[in-house]
N, C-alpha and C. Protein backbone atom coordinates (compact mmCIF):
# COMPACT_ATOMS: atom_id res chain seq x y z
N MET A 1 111.99 211.29 103.88
CA MET A 1 111.50 212.53 103.31
C MET A 1 112.03 213.73 104.10
N ILE A 2 111.95 213.66 105.42
CA ILE A 2 112.39 214.76 106.27
C ILE A 2 113.87 215.03 106.06
N VAL A 3 114.65 213.97 105.97
CA VAL A 3 116.09 214.12 105.79
C VAL A 3 116.38 214.77 104.45
N ARG A 4 115.69 214.33 103.37
CA ARG A 4 115.92 214.90 102.05
C ARG A 4 115.57 216.39 102.04
N ALA A 5 114.47 216.74 102.70
CA ALA A 5 114.07 218.16 102.75
C ALA A 5 115.10 218.96 103.52
N PHE A 6 115.60 218.43 104.60
CA PHE A 6 116.59 219.13 105.43
C PHE A 6 117.86 219.40 104.62
N LEU A 7 118.24 218.47 103.76
CA LEU A 7 119.45 218.61 102.97
C LEU A 7 119.22 219.40 101.70
N GLY A 8 117.98 219.77 101.43
CA GLY A 8 117.71 220.61 100.27
C GLY A 8 117.36 219.84 99.02
N PHE A 9 117.15 218.52 99.16
CA PHE A 9 116.79 217.73 97.99
C PHE A 9 115.28 217.73 97.85
N PRO A 10 114.79 217.64 96.61
CA PRO A 10 113.33 217.55 96.43
C PRO A 10 112.81 216.21 96.95
N PRO A 11 111.53 216.20 97.29
CA PRO A 11 110.96 214.94 97.80
C PRO A 11 111.13 213.81 96.77
N PHE A 12 111.34 212.65 97.29
CA PHE A 12 111.51 211.47 96.42
C PHE A 12 110.15 210.96 95.95
N LYS A 13 109.98 210.87 94.60
CA LYS A 13 108.76 210.34 94.03
C LYS A 13 109.11 209.16 93.14
N PRO A 14 108.80 207.98 93.58
CA PRO A 14 109.17 206.81 92.77
C PRO A 14 108.47 206.81 91.43
N SER A 15 109.23 206.45 90.41
CA SER A 15 108.68 206.34 89.07
C SER A 15 107.77 205.13 88.98
N PRO A 16 106.72 205.23 88.19
CA PRO A 16 105.87 204.04 88.00
C PRO A 16 106.63 202.86 87.44
N ASP A 17 107.69 203.17 86.64
CA ASP A 17 108.47 202.06 86.09
C ASP A 17 109.27 201.34 87.17
N TRP A 18 109.51 202.05 88.26
CA TRP A 18 110.34 201.47 89.34
C TRP A 18 109.58 200.44 90.15
N LEU A 19 108.27 200.69 90.26
CA LEU A 19 107.45 199.80 91.08
C LEU A 19 107.23 198.47 90.37
N PRO A 20 107.24 197.35 91.10
CA PRO A 20 106.94 196.06 90.47
C PRO A 20 105.49 196.00 90.03
N SER A 21 105.28 195.36 88.89
CA SER A 21 103.92 195.28 88.37
C SER A 21 103.02 194.41 89.23
N HIS A 22 103.64 193.44 89.92
CA HIS A 22 102.84 192.59 90.81
C HIS A 22 103.77 191.95 91.84
N ILE A 23 103.20 191.54 92.89
CA ILE A 23 103.96 190.82 93.94
C ILE A 23 103.48 189.38 93.97
N HIS A 24 104.40 188.45 93.84
CA HIS A 24 104.05 187.03 93.80
C HIS A 24 104.37 186.39 95.15
N VAL A 25 103.37 185.82 95.75
CA VAL A 25 103.56 185.11 97.03
C VAL A 25 103.31 183.64 96.79
N SER A 26 104.28 182.81 97.10
CA SER A 26 104.14 181.37 96.89
C SER A 26 103.46 180.74 98.09
N LEU A 27 102.18 180.45 97.93
CA LEU A 27 101.46 179.76 99.00
C LEU A 27 101.97 178.34 99.19
N ILE A 28 102.48 177.79 98.09
CA ILE A 28 102.99 176.42 98.19
C ILE A 28 104.16 176.37 99.17
N ASN A 29 105.13 177.30 98.94
CA ASN A 29 106.30 177.30 99.79
C ASN A 29 105.97 177.67 101.23
N MET A 30 104.97 178.55 101.39
CA MET A 30 104.64 179.03 102.72
C MET A 30 103.85 178.02 103.54
N ASN A 31 102.98 177.28 102.89
CA ASN A 31 102.05 176.44 103.64
C ASN A 31 102.21 174.95 103.40
N ILE A 32 102.39 174.57 102.13
CA ILE A 32 102.34 173.15 101.80
C ILE A 32 103.56 172.40 102.30
N GLU A 33 104.76 172.99 102.09
CA GLU A 33 105.97 172.26 102.47
C GLU A 33 106.02 171.93 103.95
N PRO A 34 105.71 172.90 104.85
CA PRO A 34 105.67 172.53 106.27
C PRO A 34 104.65 171.44 106.56
N ALA A 35 103.52 171.49 105.86
CA ALA A 35 102.50 170.46 106.06
C ALA A 35 103.02 169.10 105.63
N GLU A 36 103.71 169.09 104.46
CA GLU A 36 104.28 167.82 103.98
C GLU A 36 105.31 167.29 104.96
N SER A 37 106.14 168.18 105.50
CA SER A 37 107.17 167.77 106.46
C SER A 37 106.54 167.19 107.71
N ALA A 38 105.50 167.85 108.21
CA ALA A 38 104.83 167.35 109.41
C ALA A 38 104.16 166.01 109.15
N ARG A 39 103.56 165.88 107.94
CA ARG A 39 102.90 164.62 107.62
C ARG A 39 103.93 163.49 107.51
N GLY A 40 105.09 163.79 106.91
CA GLY A 40 106.14 162.78 106.82
C GLY A 40 106.64 162.37 108.19
N TYR A 41 106.76 163.33 109.10
CA TYR A 41 107.20 163.02 110.46
C TYR A 41 106.20 162.11 111.16
N ARG A 42 104.90 162.45 110.99
CA ARG A 42 103.87 161.63 111.64
C ARG A 42 103.88 160.21 111.09
N MET A 43 104.06 160.08 109.77
CA MET A 43 104.09 158.74 109.16
C MET A 43 105.29 157.95 109.68
N THR A 44 106.45 158.60 109.81
CA THR A 44 107.64 157.93 110.33
C THR A 44 107.42 157.49 111.77
N ALA A 45 106.81 158.36 112.56
CA ALA A 45 106.55 158.04 113.96
C ALA A 45 105.58 156.87 114.08
N ARG A 46 104.54 156.86 113.21
CA ARG A 46 103.58 155.75 113.25
C ARG A 46 104.25 154.45 112.85
N ALA A 47 105.11 154.49 111.84
CA ALA A 47 105.80 153.28 111.40
C ALA A 47 106.71 152.74 112.51
N ALA A 48 107.41 153.65 113.19
CA ALA A 48 108.29 153.23 114.29
C ALA A 48 107.47 152.63 115.42
N SER A 49 106.34 153.25 115.72
CA SER A 49 105.49 152.74 116.79
C SER A 49 104.93 151.36 116.43
N SER A 50 104.53 151.20 115.16
CA SER A 50 104.00 149.91 114.71
C SER A 50 105.06 148.82 114.78
N ALA A 51 106.30 149.16 114.37
CA ALA A 51 107.39 148.18 114.43
C ALA A 51 107.68 147.80 115.87
N ALA A 52 107.66 148.78 116.77
CA ALA A 52 107.91 148.50 118.19
C ALA A 52 106.82 147.60 118.77
N THR A 53 105.58 147.82 118.34
CA THR A 53 104.48 146.96 118.80
C THR A 53 104.68 145.53 118.32
N GLY A 54 105.06 145.38 117.05
CA GLY A 54 105.32 144.04 116.53
C GLY A 54 106.42 143.33 117.28
N GLU A 55 107.49 144.07 117.62
CA GLU A 55 108.60 143.46 118.37
C GLU A 55 108.16 143.05 119.78
N ARG A 56 107.34 143.86 120.42
CA ARG A 56 106.84 143.49 121.75
C ARG A 56 106.00 142.22 121.70
N ILE A 57 105.19 142.10 120.66
CA ILE A 57 104.37 140.90 120.51
C ILE A 57 105.25 139.68 120.29
N LEU A 58 106.28 139.81 119.44
CA LEU A 58 107.19 138.68 119.20
C LEU A 58 107.98 138.34 120.45
N ASP A 59 108.38 139.34 121.21
CA ASP A 59 109.10 139.09 122.47
C ASP A 59 108.23 138.26 123.42
N ALA A 60 106.96 138.67 123.54
CA ALA A 60 106.05 137.96 124.42
C ALA A 60 105.80 136.53 123.94
N ALA A 61 105.65 136.38 122.62
CA ALA A 61 105.42 135.04 122.07
C ALA A 61 106.62 134.13 122.31
N LEU A 62 107.82 134.64 122.09
CA LEU A 62 109.03 133.84 122.31
C LEU A 62 109.20 133.48 123.77
N GLU A 63 108.89 134.42 124.63
CA GLU A 63 108.97 134.16 126.07
C GLU A 63 108.07 132.99 126.45
N MET A 64 106.86 132.99 125.92
CA MET A 64 105.93 131.90 126.21
C MET A 64 106.32 130.62 125.47
N PHE A 65 106.85 130.79 124.26
CA PHE A 65 107.24 129.64 123.44
C PHE A 65 108.28 128.79 124.16
N TRP A 66 109.21 129.46 124.86
CA TRP A 66 110.25 128.71 125.56
C TRP A 66 109.82 128.29 126.96
N GLU A 67 108.70 128.82 127.44
CA GLU A 67 108.21 128.47 128.77
C GLU A 67 107.23 127.30 128.75
N LEU A 68 106.40 127.25 127.72
CA LEU A 68 105.25 126.36 127.71
C LEU A 68 105.23 125.50 126.46
N PRO A 69 104.56 124.35 126.54
CA PRO A 69 104.28 123.61 125.29
C PRO A 69 103.49 124.50 124.34
N THR A 70 103.70 124.30 123.08
CA THR A 70 103.10 125.19 122.08
C THR A 70 101.58 125.20 122.17
N ASP A 71 100.96 124.07 122.46
CA ASP A 71 99.51 124.03 122.51
C ASP A 71 98.93 124.78 123.72
N GLN A 72 99.81 125.21 124.64
CA GLN A 72 99.34 125.96 125.80
C GLN A 72 99.55 127.48 125.64
N ILE A 73 100.11 127.87 124.52
CA ILE A 73 100.30 129.30 124.27
C ILE A 73 98.97 129.89 123.81
N SER A 74 98.51 130.93 124.50
CA SER A 74 97.24 131.57 124.13
C SER A 74 97.50 132.98 123.63
N LEU A 75 96.73 133.39 122.65
CA LEU A 75 96.85 134.75 122.13
C LEU A 75 96.47 135.78 123.20
N ASP A 76 95.55 135.42 124.07
CA ASP A 76 95.16 136.33 125.15
C ASP A 76 96.36 136.66 126.04
N GLU A 77 97.13 135.63 126.40
CA GLU A 77 98.28 135.85 127.28
C GLU A 77 99.40 136.58 126.55
N VAL A 78 99.60 136.24 125.27
CA VAL A 78 100.61 136.97 124.48
C VAL A 78 100.24 138.45 124.43
N ALA A 79 98.97 138.74 124.17
CA ALA A 79 98.52 140.13 124.09
C ALA A 79 98.70 140.83 125.43
N ARG A 80 98.38 140.14 126.51
CA ARG A 80 98.52 140.76 127.84
C ARG A 80 99.98 141.11 128.13
N ARG A 81 100.89 140.19 127.83
CA ARG A 81 102.31 140.44 128.09
C ARG A 81 102.86 141.55 127.20
N ALA A 82 102.34 141.64 125.99
CA ALA A 82 102.82 142.66 125.06
C ALA A 82 102.15 144.02 125.28
N GLY A 83 101.08 144.04 126.09
CA GLY A 83 100.38 145.29 126.35
C GLY A 83 99.54 145.76 125.19
N VAL A 84 98.97 144.80 124.43
CA VAL A 84 98.12 145.14 123.29
C VAL A 84 96.84 144.31 123.37
N SER A 85 95.95 144.54 122.44
CA SER A 85 94.72 143.75 122.38
C SER A 85 94.95 142.48 121.55
N VAL A 86 94.09 141.51 121.75
CA VAL A 86 94.15 140.28 120.95
C VAL A 86 93.93 140.62 119.47
N GLN A 87 93.04 141.59 119.20
CA GLN A 87 92.77 141.99 117.83
C GLN A 87 94.04 142.53 117.15
N THR A 88 94.87 143.21 117.91
CA THR A 88 96.13 143.72 117.35
C THR A 88 97.05 142.56 116.97
N VAL A 89 97.12 141.55 117.82
CA VAL A 89 97.96 140.39 117.53
C VAL A 89 97.47 139.69 116.26
N ILE A 90 96.16 139.50 116.18
CA ILE A 90 95.59 138.82 115.01
C ILE A 90 95.79 139.66 113.75
N ARG A 91 95.62 140.96 113.86
CA ARG A 91 95.79 141.84 112.70
C ARG A 91 97.23 141.81 112.19
N ARG A 92 98.19 141.71 113.09
CA ARG A 92 99.59 141.72 112.70
C ARG A 92 100.07 140.37 112.19
N PHE A 93 99.59 139.26 112.79
CA PHE A 93 100.16 137.95 112.49
C PHE A 93 99.15 136.91 112.00
N GLY A 94 97.88 137.26 111.97
CA GLY A 94 96.89 136.38 111.37
C GLY A 94 96.43 135.22 112.24
N GLY A 95 96.92 135.10 113.45
CA GLY A 95 96.54 134.00 114.31
C GLY A 95 97.75 133.34 114.96
N LYS A 96 97.50 132.27 115.68
CA LYS A 96 98.56 131.63 116.46
C LYS A 96 99.65 131.03 115.58
N ASP A 97 99.26 130.34 114.51
CA ASP A 97 100.27 129.72 113.64
C ASP A 97 101.18 130.78 113.01
N GLY A 98 100.58 131.87 112.56
CA GLY A 98 101.38 132.94 111.97
C GLY A 98 102.30 133.59 112.98
N LEU A 99 101.82 133.72 114.21
CA LEU A 99 102.63 134.31 115.27
C LEU A 99 103.81 133.42 115.61
N VAL A 100 103.56 132.12 115.76
CA VAL A 100 104.64 131.17 116.06
C VAL A 100 105.67 131.17 114.94
N ALA A 101 105.20 131.19 113.70
CA ALA A 101 106.12 131.18 112.56
C ALA A 101 106.98 132.44 112.53
N ALA A 102 106.37 133.61 112.79
CA ALA A 102 107.12 134.86 112.77
C ALA A 102 108.13 134.91 113.91
N ALA A 103 107.73 134.44 115.08
CA ALA A 103 108.65 134.42 116.22
C ALA A 103 109.82 133.49 115.96
N ALA A 104 109.52 132.32 115.40
CA ALA A 104 110.58 131.35 115.11
C ALA A 104 111.52 131.87 114.03
N GLU A 105 110.98 132.61 113.05
CA GLU A 105 111.81 133.18 112.00
C GLU A 105 112.80 134.18 112.56
N ARG A 106 112.32 135.03 113.46
CA ARG A 106 113.22 136.01 114.07
C ARG A 106 114.29 135.32 114.92
N GLU A 107 113.89 134.30 115.66
CA GLU A 107 114.85 133.57 116.50
C GLU A 107 115.86 132.82 115.64
N SER A 108 115.38 132.25 114.53
CA SER A 108 116.27 131.53 113.63
C SER A 108 117.34 132.45 113.06
N THR A 109 116.95 133.67 112.74
CA THR A 109 117.92 134.64 112.22
C THR A 109 119.00 134.93 113.26
N ALA A 110 118.60 135.10 114.51
CA ALA A 110 119.57 135.36 115.58
C ALA A 110 120.49 134.16 115.78
N ILE A 111 119.92 132.95 115.72
CA ILE A 111 120.72 131.74 115.90
C ILE A 111 121.73 131.59 114.76
N ARG A 112 121.28 131.83 113.54
CA ARG A 112 122.19 131.72 112.39
C ARG A 112 123.35 132.70 112.53
N GLN A 113 123.05 133.92 112.95
CA GLN A 113 124.11 134.92 113.11
C GLN A 113 125.11 134.48 114.17
N GLN A 114 124.60 133.88 115.25
CA GLN A 114 125.50 133.43 116.31
C GLN A 114 126.37 132.27 115.85
N ARG A 115 125.77 131.31 115.19
CA ARG A 115 126.52 130.13 114.75
C ARG A 115 127.47 130.44 113.59
N ASP A 116 127.13 131.46 112.81
CA ASP A 116 128.01 131.85 111.71
C ASP A 116 129.33 132.45 112.19
N GLN A 117 129.42 132.71 113.47
CA GLN A 117 130.68 133.21 114.02
C GLN A 117 131.75 132.11 114.08
N ALA A 118 131.34 130.86 113.93
CA ALA A 118 132.29 129.74 113.97
C ALA A 118 133.20 129.81 112.75
N PRO A 119 134.51 129.81 112.95
CA PRO A 119 135.43 129.88 111.81
C PRO A 119 135.55 128.54 111.10
N ALA A 120 135.62 128.56 109.79
CA ALA A 120 135.83 127.33 109.02
C ALA A 120 137.27 126.86 109.21
N GLY A 121 137.42 125.55 109.42
CA GLY A 121 138.74 124.97 109.51
C GLY A 121 139.35 124.96 110.90
N ASP A 122 138.77 125.67 111.85
CA ASP A 122 139.26 125.69 113.24
C ASP A 122 138.27 124.90 114.09
N VAL A 123 138.56 123.62 114.29
CA VAL A 123 137.61 122.72 114.94
C VAL A 123 137.33 123.15 116.37
N THR A 124 138.36 123.45 117.12
CA THR A 124 138.18 123.83 118.53
C THR A 124 137.32 125.08 118.67
N ALA A 125 137.61 126.10 117.87
CA ALA A 125 136.84 127.34 117.94
C ALA A 125 135.40 127.11 117.49
N ALA A 126 135.22 126.30 116.46
CA ALA A 126 133.87 126.02 115.96
C ALA A 126 133.05 125.29 117.01
N VAL A 127 133.65 124.34 117.69
CA VAL A 127 132.94 123.58 118.73
C VAL A 127 132.59 124.50 119.90
N GLN A 128 133.44 125.43 120.23
CA GLN A 128 133.13 126.38 121.30
C GLN A 128 131.88 127.19 120.96
N VAL A 129 131.79 127.65 119.72
CA VAL A 129 130.61 128.39 119.28
C VAL A 129 129.38 127.48 119.33
N LEU A 130 129.54 126.25 118.89
CA LEU A 130 128.43 125.29 118.87
C LEU A 130 127.90 125.03 120.28
N VAL A 131 128.81 124.76 121.22
CA VAL A 131 128.39 124.46 122.59
C VAL A 131 127.79 125.71 123.24
N GLU A 132 128.32 126.86 122.93
CA GLU A 132 127.73 128.10 123.45
C GLU A 132 126.28 128.23 123.00
N HIS A 133 126.04 127.88 121.74
CA HIS A 133 124.67 127.91 121.23
C HIS A 133 123.78 126.92 121.98
N TYR A 134 124.27 125.70 122.19
CA TYR A 134 123.47 124.70 122.88
C TYR A 134 123.25 125.04 124.36
N GLU A 135 124.22 125.69 124.96
CA GLU A 135 124.05 126.12 126.36
C GLU A 135 122.88 127.10 126.47
N ALA A 136 122.71 127.93 125.47
CA ALA A 136 121.64 128.93 125.50
C ALA A 136 120.31 128.38 125.02
N PHE A 137 120.34 127.48 124.01
CA PHE A 137 119.10 127.06 123.36
C PHE A 137 118.86 125.56 123.35
N GLY A 138 119.83 124.77 123.80
CA GLY A 138 119.73 123.32 123.64
C GLY A 138 118.49 122.71 124.26
N ASP A 139 118.20 123.02 125.51
CA ASP A 139 117.04 122.44 126.18
C ASP A 139 115.74 122.87 125.50
N ARG A 140 115.69 124.11 125.03
CA ARG A 140 114.50 124.61 124.35
C ARG A 140 114.31 123.89 123.02
N VAL A 141 115.41 123.71 122.30
CA VAL A 141 115.33 123.03 121.00
C VAL A 141 114.87 121.59 121.19
N LEU A 142 115.37 120.92 122.20
CA LEU A 142 114.97 119.54 122.46
C LEU A 142 113.47 119.44 122.76
N ARG A 143 112.95 120.40 123.50
CA ARG A 143 111.51 120.39 123.77
C ARG A 143 110.72 120.63 122.50
N MET A 144 111.21 121.52 121.66
CA MET A 144 110.52 121.77 120.39
C MET A 144 110.54 120.53 119.51
N LEU A 145 111.66 119.82 119.47
CA LEU A 145 111.75 118.60 118.68
C LEU A 145 110.76 117.54 119.18
N ALA A 146 110.55 117.51 120.49
CA ALA A 146 109.62 116.54 121.06
C ALA A 146 108.18 116.84 120.66
N GLU A 147 107.88 118.10 120.34
CA GLU A 147 106.53 118.50 119.97
C GLU A 147 106.30 118.48 118.46
N GLU A 148 107.33 118.20 117.72
CA GLU A 148 107.26 118.34 116.26
C GLU A 148 106.09 117.58 115.65
N GLU A 149 105.86 116.36 116.07
CA GLU A 149 104.80 115.54 115.47
C GLU A 149 103.41 115.98 115.89
N GLN A 150 103.30 116.60 117.06
CA GLN A 150 101.99 117.00 117.56
C GLN A 150 101.56 118.38 117.10
N VAL A 151 102.52 119.21 116.72
CA VAL A 151 102.20 120.60 116.35
C VAL A 151 102.66 120.85 114.92
N PRO A 152 101.74 120.83 113.97
CA PRO A 152 102.11 121.02 112.56
C PRO A 152 102.88 122.30 112.30
N ALA A 153 102.58 123.38 113.04
CA ALA A 153 103.24 124.66 112.80
C ALA A 153 104.74 124.58 113.08
N LEU A 154 105.15 123.59 113.88
CA LEU A 154 106.57 123.47 114.23
C LEU A 154 107.37 122.70 113.18
N ARG A 155 106.72 121.96 112.32
CA ARG A 155 107.45 121.09 111.39
C ARG A 155 108.33 121.89 110.44
N ARG A 156 107.80 122.96 109.89
CA ARG A 156 108.60 123.77 108.98
C ARG A 156 109.77 124.41 109.71
N ILE A 157 109.53 124.83 110.94
CA ILE A 157 110.59 125.46 111.74
C ILE A 157 111.70 124.46 112.03
N VAL A 158 111.31 123.24 112.39
CA VAL A 158 112.30 122.20 112.68
C VAL A 158 113.07 121.84 111.42
N ASP A 159 112.38 121.73 110.30
CA ASP A 159 113.06 121.43 109.03
C ASP A 159 114.08 122.51 108.68
N GLU A 160 113.72 123.76 108.90
CA GLU A 160 114.65 124.86 108.64
C GLU A 160 115.85 124.78 109.58
N GLY A 161 115.62 124.36 110.82
CA GLY A 161 116.72 124.19 111.76
C GLY A 161 117.66 123.08 111.33
N ARG A 162 117.12 122.01 110.80
CA ARG A 162 117.97 120.92 110.30
C ARG A 162 118.80 121.39 109.10
N ALA A 163 118.17 122.16 108.23
CA ALA A 163 118.89 122.68 107.07
C ALA A 163 120.00 123.63 107.51
N LEU A 164 119.73 124.45 108.52
CA LEU A 164 120.75 125.35 109.05
C LEU A 164 121.93 124.56 109.60
N HIS A 165 121.64 123.48 110.34
CA HIS A 165 122.69 122.64 110.92
C HIS A 165 123.53 121.98 109.82
N ARG A 166 122.87 121.52 108.80
CA ARG A 166 123.58 120.90 107.68
C ARG A 166 124.50 121.91 106.99
N ASP A 167 123.97 123.10 106.74
CA ASP A 167 124.77 124.15 106.09
C ASP A 167 125.97 124.52 106.95
N TRP A 168 125.74 124.59 108.26
CA TRP A 168 126.83 124.95 109.18
C TRP A 168 127.95 123.91 109.13
N CYS A 169 127.58 122.64 109.20
CA CYS A 169 128.59 121.58 109.16
C CYS A 169 129.32 121.57 107.81
N THR A 170 128.59 121.80 106.75
CA THR A 170 129.20 121.83 105.42
C THR A 170 130.23 122.95 105.31
N ARG A 171 129.92 124.09 105.87
CA ARG A 171 130.84 125.23 105.80
C ARG A 171 132.04 125.05 106.73
N VAL A 172 131.77 124.67 107.98
CA VAL A 172 132.84 124.61 108.97
C VAL A 172 133.83 123.48 108.66
N PHE A 173 133.33 122.38 108.14
CA PHE A 173 134.19 121.21 107.88
C PHE A 173 134.42 121.00 106.38
N ALA A 174 134.43 122.08 105.64
CA ALA A 174 134.54 122.00 104.17
C ALA A 174 135.78 121.25 103.73
N THR A 175 136.90 121.42 104.42
CA THR A 175 138.14 120.77 103.99
C THR A 175 138.05 119.26 104.09
N ALA A 176 137.27 118.75 105.03
CA ALA A 176 137.12 117.30 105.18
C ALA A 176 136.16 116.72 104.16
N LEU A 177 135.42 117.57 103.46
CA LEU A 177 134.42 117.10 102.50
C LEU A 177 134.87 117.31 101.05
N THR A 178 135.82 118.19 100.86
CA THR A 178 136.27 118.53 99.51
C THR A 178 137.03 117.38 98.87
N GLY A 179 136.73 117.11 97.59
CA GLY A 179 137.46 116.09 96.85
C GLY A 179 137.01 114.66 97.12
N ARG A 180 135.94 114.48 97.85
CA ARG A 180 135.44 113.13 98.14
C ARG A 180 134.42 112.71 97.09
N SER A 181 134.28 111.44 96.94
CA SER A 181 133.24 110.93 96.05
C SER A 181 131.88 111.26 96.67
N PRO A 182 130.82 111.32 95.87
CA PRO A 182 129.50 111.66 96.44
C PRO A 182 129.10 110.77 97.61
N ALA A 183 129.37 109.46 97.51
CA ALA A 183 128.98 108.55 98.59
C ALA A 183 129.77 108.83 99.86
N VAL A 184 131.08 109.02 99.71
CA VAL A 184 131.92 109.28 100.88
C VAL A 184 131.57 110.63 101.49
N ARG A 185 131.38 111.62 100.65
CA ARG A 185 131.03 112.96 101.15
C ARG A 185 129.72 112.92 101.92
N ARG A 186 128.74 112.22 101.38
CA ARG A 186 127.44 112.15 102.05
C ARG A 186 127.57 111.44 103.40
N ARG A 187 128.33 110.35 103.45
CA ARG A 187 128.50 109.61 104.71
C ARG A 187 129.26 110.45 105.73
N ARG A 188 130.31 111.12 105.28
CA ARG A 188 131.11 111.91 106.21
C ARG A 188 130.33 113.11 106.74
N LEU A 189 129.57 113.76 105.89
CA LEU A 189 128.76 114.88 106.35
C LEU A 189 127.73 114.41 107.38
N ALA A 190 127.15 113.23 107.15
CA ALA A 190 126.19 112.69 108.11
C ALA A 190 126.87 112.42 109.46
N GLN A 191 128.11 111.93 109.43
CA GLN A 191 128.85 111.70 110.67
C GLN A 191 129.10 113.01 111.42
N LEU A 192 129.52 114.01 110.70
CA LEU A 192 129.81 115.31 111.31
C LEU A 192 128.54 115.94 111.89
N MET A 193 127.44 115.82 111.17
CA MET A 193 126.18 116.36 111.66
C MET A 193 125.73 115.63 112.93
N ALA A 194 125.93 114.31 112.98
CA ALA A 194 125.53 113.54 114.16
C ALA A 194 126.35 113.92 115.39
N VAL A 195 127.67 114.05 115.21
CA VAL A 195 128.52 114.39 116.35
C VAL A 195 128.20 115.80 116.86
N CYS A 196 127.83 116.70 115.97
CA CYS A 196 127.55 118.09 116.35
C CYS A 196 126.07 118.33 116.66
N ASP A 197 125.26 117.31 116.68
CA ASP A 197 123.82 117.46 116.89
C ASP A 197 123.51 117.81 118.34
N VAL A 198 122.37 118.44 118.55
CA VAL A 198 121.95 118.82 119.89
C VAL A 198 121.76 117.59 120.79
N HIS A 199 121.42 116.44 120.21
CA HIS A 199 121.26 115.24 121.02
C HIS A 199 122.61 114.75 121.57
N MET A 200 123.68 114.95 120.82
CA MET A 200 125.01 114.62 121.34
C MET A 200 125.34 115.52 122.52
N TRP A 201 125.04 116.80 122.38
CA TRP A 201 125.25 117.73 123.51
C TRP A 201 124.45 117.27 124.72
N LYS A 202 123.21 116.85 124.52
CA LYS A 202 122.38 116.38 125.63
C LYS A 202 123.01 115.15 126.30
N LEU A 203 123.48 114.19 125.50
CA LEU A 203 124.08 112.98 126.08
C LEU A 203 125.30 113.32 126.94
N LEU A 204 126.12 114.22 126.46
CA LEU A 204 127.35 114.56 127.17
C LEU A 204 127.09 115.50 128.34
N ARG A 205 126.29 116.51 128.10
CA ARG A 205 126.11 117.58 129.10
C ARG A 205 125.05 117.25 130.13
N ARG A 206 123.93 116.76 129.67
CA ARG A 206 122.82 116.50 130.59
C ARG A 206 122.87 115.07 131.15
N ASP A 207 122.96 114.07 130.26
CA ASP A 207 122.90 112.68 130.73
C ASP A 207 124.19 112.26 131.44
N ALA A 208 125.35 112.57 130.86
CA ALA A 208 126.62 112.16 131.46
C ALA A 208 127.11 113.16 132.51
N GLY A 209 126.54 114.34 132.52
CA GLY A 209 126.89 115.33 133.54
C GLY A 209 128.25 115.98 133.35
N LEU A 210 128.77 116.00 132.13
CA LEU A 210 130.06 116.64 131.89
C LEU A 210 129.93 118.16 132.00
N SER A 211 131.04 118.79 132.37
CA SER A 211 131.07 120.25 132.39
C SER A 211 131.04 120.77 130.95
N ARG A 212 130.85 122.05 130.82
CA ARG A 212 130.85 122.64 129.47
C ARG A 212 132.19 122.42 128.80
N ARG A 213 133.27 122.64 129.53
CA ARG A 213 134.60 122.47 128.95
C ARG A 213 134.83 121.02 128.55
N GLN A 214 134.45 120.08 129.39
CA GLN A 214 134.63 118.66 129.08
C GLN A 214 133.75 118.24 127.90
N THR A 215 132.59 118.86 127.79
CA THR A 215 131.71 118.58 126.65
C THR A 215 132.37 119.04 125.35
N GLU A 216 132.97 120.21 125.38
CA GLU A 216 133.67 120.70 124.19
C GLU A 216 134.81 119.77 123.80
N LEU A 217 135.60 119.34 124.78
CA LEU A 217 136.72 118.43 124.51
C LEU A 217 136.22 117.10 123.94
N ALA A 218 135.12 116.60 124.49
CA ALA A 218 134.58 115.32 124.02
C ALA A 218 134.14 115.41 122.57
N ILE A 219 133.50 116.50 122.20
CA ILE A 219 133.04 116.66 120.82
C ILE A 219 134.23 116.79 119.88
N VAL A 220 135.25 117.53 120.28
CA VAL A 220 136.46 117.65 119.45
C VAL A 220 137.10 116.28 119.27
N GLU A 221 137.17 115.49 120.31
CA GLU A 221 137.78 114.15 120.23
C GLU A 221 136.97 113.22 119.32
N LEU A 222 135.67 113.39 119.32
CA LEU A 222 134.82 112.58 118.43
C LEU A 222 134.98 113.03 116.97
N LEU A 223 135.21 114.30 116.77
CA LEU A 223 135.35 114.82 115.41
C LEU A 223 136.72 114.51 114.80
N THR A 224 137.72 114.49 115.61
CA THR A 224 139.11 114.40 115.11
C THR A 224 139.35 113.21 114.18
N PRO A 225 138.99 111.98 114.55
CA PRO A 225 139.24 110.87 113.62
C PRO A 225 138.45 110.98 112.32
N ILE A 226 137.28 111.55 112.36
CA ILE A 226 136.49 111.74 111.13
C ILE A 226 137.20 112.73 110.21
N LEU A 227 137.70 113.81 110.79
CA LEU A 227 138.35 114.85 110.00
C LEU A 227 139.71 114.41 109.47
N LYS A 228 140.36 113.48 110.17
CA LYS A 228 141.68 113.01 109.73
C LYS A 228 141.62 111.81 108.79
N GLU A 229 140.41 111.26 108.67
CA GLU A 229 140.26 110.06 107.82
C GLU A 229 140.60 110.41 106.38
N PRO A 230 141.45 109.61 105.74
CA PRO A 230 141.87 109.89 104.35
C PRO A 230 140.70 109.72 103.37
């Protein structure tokens, strides 16, 4: 106003038509969206925290599973090692059987991924992957097999392990099984599964005292005549 007067212009008077008839303020945009964003963040954080708690419980259960006979695993000790309450363990897994099954499922997935690294058709490389697996898990698997009849919760896990082993042998030695009659294919697959079984590893590595390298060579030598059989 002062500037206009100084320059000789009349004071500025806005026309009523110039003024907006109303001012619209969106409360939704101002308040709700930030609230929704914050709520989404909190939900994501809670989900991540819950998943981390579940993983800690499974870690503790697996640690005890490989240390102790299954009937000596207590939910109290699992909860203590995981840093949670027993009620949290029960709420997440429904009890000891559910916890053992969930832990075994996670371990089975890791084992399958490791064994799937074995290339089909390369016997030496496949046996190296197999022995590497047994070096890490063989003694534990043997103890689990020994408990199979006494612990019903282990039976399904052991059966799944047998199916995994069968699938692995079928894939890795596919060329030796292709084009065979059903009877021959079934017999040959059984031979391959027996030679690659954890008990064969135990006989060579633990009972006979062979080195890891000598164990690998022995398994390859046992497989070779089966794979070359017409």
